[in-house]
């Protein structure tokens, strides 16, 4: 790749790749943090987006997954319109 691209382009690609890797890890950790353990008994717990439950539930898992998908799609749309 060093023969095809100049140094500035390679450095930019490396920075974008690193940013993408860290973003992917952060999203996966967020989703895994709120996944309910199938072996534990889930009890109904009142909560909202500003006050999440102290332990993961199936509801929190679906809410976090949905919000992550919506955020990634909106970022993608914003990136497409800015280019």
C-alpha atoms as a PDB file:
ATOM      1  CA  UNK A   1       0.000   0.000   0.000  1.00  0.00           C
ATOM      2  CA  UNK A   2       2.942   2.299   0.609  1.00  0.00           C
ATOM      3  CA  UNK A   3       3.802   2.128  -3.093  1.00  0.00           C
ATOM      4  CA  UNK A   4       0.307   3.167  -4.185  1.00  0.00           C
ATOM      5  CA  UNK A   5      -0.637   5.888  -1.656  1.00  0.00           C
ATOM      6  CA  UNK A   6       1.299   8.838  -0.321  1.00  0.00           C
ATOM      7  CA  UNK A   7       2.196   9.032   3.371  1.00  0.00           C
ATOM      8  CA  UNK A   8      -0.560  11.521   4.279  1.00  0.00           C
ATOM      9  CA  UNK A   9      -3.278   9.257   2.824  1.00  0.00           C
ATOM     10  CA  UNK A  10      -1.885   6.238   4.696  1.00  0.00           C
ATOM     11  CA  UNK A  11      -1.816   8.144   7.991  1.00  0.00           C
ATOM     12  CA  UNK A  12      -5.405   9.317   7.438  1.00  0.00           C
ATOM     13  CA  UNK A  13      -6.554   5.759   6.707  1.00  0.00           C
ATOM     14  CA  UNK A  14      -4.770   4.497   9.810  1.00  0.00           C
ATOM     15  CA  UNK A  15      -6.479   7.139  11.962  1.00  0.00           C
ATOM     16  CA  UNK A  16      -9.892   6.321  10.533  1.00  0.00           C
ATOM     17  CA  UNK A  17      -9.278   2.596  11.016  1.00  0.00           C
ATOM     18  CA  UNK A  18      -8.253   3.092  14.636  1.00  0.00           C
ATOM     19  CA  UNK A  19     -11.287   5.268  15.308  1.00  0.00           C
ATOM     20  CA  UNK A  20     -13.553   2.662  13.722  1.00  0.00           C
ATOM     21  CA  UNK A  21     -12.011  -0.138  15.815  1.00  0.00           C
ATOM     22  CA  UNK A  22     -12.465   1.765  19.080  1.00  0.00           C
ATOM     23  CA  UNK A  23     -16.040   2.676  18.119  1.00  0.00           C
ATOM     24  CA  UNK A  24     -16.868  -0.939  17.322  1.00  0.00           C
ATOM     25  CA  UNK A  25     -15.473  -2.133  20.656  1.00  0.00           C
ATOM     26  CA  UNK A  26     -17.395   0.561  22.572  1.00  0.00           C
ATOM     27  CA  UNK A  27     -20.678  -0.387  20.859  1.00  0.00           C
ATOM     28  CA  UNK A  28     -20.136  -4.099  21.569  1.00  0.00           C
ATOM     29  CA  UNK A  29     -19.369  -3.414  25.230  1.00  0.00           C
ATOM     30  CA  UNK A  30     -22.492  -1.263  25.517  1.00  0.00           C
ATOM     31  CA  UNK A  31     -24.680  -4.009  24.041  1.00  0.00           C
ATOM     32  CA  UNK A  32     -23.095  -6.759  26.149  1.00  0.00           C
ATOM     33  CA  UNK A  33     -23.418  -4.690  29.338  1.00  0.00           C
ATOM     34  CA  UNK A  34     -27.200  -4.543  29.041  1.00  0.00           C
ATOM     35  CA  UNK A  35     -27.837  -8.108  27.840  1.00  0.00           C
ATOM     36  CA  UNK A  36     -29.862 -10.171  30.275  1.00  0.00           C
ATOM     37  CA  UNK A  37     -28.425 -13.416  31.584  1.00  0.00           C
ATOM     38  CA  UNK A  38     -30.807 -16.211  30.551  1.00  0.00           C
ATOM     39  CA  UNK A  39     -30.013 -18.208  33.717  1.00  0.00           C
ATOM     40  CA  UNK A  40     -31.062 -15.456  36.113  1.00  0.00           C
ATOM     41  CA  UNK A  41     -34.649 -14.724  37.039  1.00  0.00           C
ATOM     42  CA  UNK A  42     -35.784 -11.430  35.585  1.00  0.00           C
ATOM     43  CA  UNK A  43     -38.108  -9.310  37.627  1.00  0.00           C
ATOM     44  CA  UNK A  44     -40.027  -6.310  36.422  1.00  0.00           C
ATOM     45  CA  UNK A  45     -38.309  -3.099  37.325  1.00  0.00           C
ATOM     46  CA  UNK A  46     -39.454   0.434  36.513  1.00  0.00           C
ATOM     47  CA  UNK A  47     -36.872   2.532  34.772  1.00  0.00           C
ATOM     48  CA  UNK A  48     -36.400   5.124  32.076  1.00  0.00           C
ATOM     49  CA  UNK A  49     -33.572   6.206  29.783  1.00  0.00           C
ATOM     50  CA  UNK A  50     -32.098   8.556  32.373  1.00  0.00           C
ATOM     51  CA  UNK A  51     -32.228   5.967  35.160  1.00  0.00           C
ATOM     52  CA  UNK A  52     -31.414   2.495  33.781  1.00  0.00           C
ATOM     53  CA  UNK A  53     -31.814  -0.623  35.929  1.00  0.00           C
ATOM     54  CA  UNK A  54     -28.952  -1.745  38.132  1.00  0.00           C
ATOM     55  CA  UNK A  55     -28.960  -5.203  36.560  1.00  0.00           C
ATOM     56  CA  UNK A  56     -29.606  -6.065  32.901  1.00  0.00           C
ATOM     57  CA  UNK A  57     -33.060  -7.156  31.808  1.00  0.00           C
ATOM     58  CA  UNK A  58     -34.503  -8.255  28.485  1.00  0.00           C
ATOM     59  CA  UNK A  59     -36.128  -4.831  28.138  1.00  0.00           C
ATOM     60  CA  UNK A  60     -32.851  -3.003  28.674  1.00  0.00           C
ATOM     61  CA  UNK A  61     -31.178  -5.287  26.142  1.00  0.00           C
ATOM     62  CA  UNK A  62     -33.748  -4.536  23.456  1.00  0.00           C
ATOM     63  CA  UNK A  63     -33.761  -0.783  24.205  1.00  0.00           C
ATOM     64  CA  UNK A  64     -29.957  -0.515  24.020  1.00  0.00           C
ATOM     65  CA  UNK A  65     -29.828  -2.577  20.824  1.00  0.00           C
ATOM     66  CA  UNK A  66     -32.534  -0.443  19.204  1.00  0.00           C
ATOM     67  CA  UNK A  67     -30.899   2.846  20.235  1.00  0.00           C
ATOM     68  CA  UNK A  68     -27.492   1.643  19.024  1.00  0.00           C
ATOM     69  CA  UNK A  69     -28.925   0.743  15.629  1.00  0.00           C
ATOM     70  CA  UNK A  70     -30.750   4.081  15.374  1.00  0.00           C
ATOM     71  CA  UNK A  71     -27.616   6.012  16.335  1.00  0.00           C
ATOM     72  CA  UNK A  72     -25.421   4.180  13.843  1.00  0.00           C
ATOM     73  CA  UNK A  73     -27.953   4.645  11.030  1.00  0.00           C
ATOM     74  CA  UNK A  74     -28.348   8.349  11.771  1.00  0.00           C
ATOM     75  CA  UNK A  75     -24.555   8.801  11.811  1.00  0.00           C
ATOM     76  CA  UNK A  76     -24.355   7.018   8.491  1.00  0.00           C
ATOM     77  CA  UNK A  77     -27.046   9.257   6.996  1.00  0.00           C
ATOM     78  CA  UNK A  78     -25.323  12.382   8.297  1.00  0.00           C
ATOM     79  CA  UNK A  79     -22.021  11.203   6.827  1.00  0.00           C
ATOM     80  CA  UNK A  80     -23.662  10.542   3.448  1.00  0.00           C
ATOM     81  CA  UNK A  81     -25.277  13.984   3.324  1.00  0.00           C
ATOM     82  CA  UNK A  82     -22.089  15.782   4.387  1.00  0.00           C
ATOM     83  CA  UNK A  83     -20.044  14.225   1.594  1.00  0.00           C
END
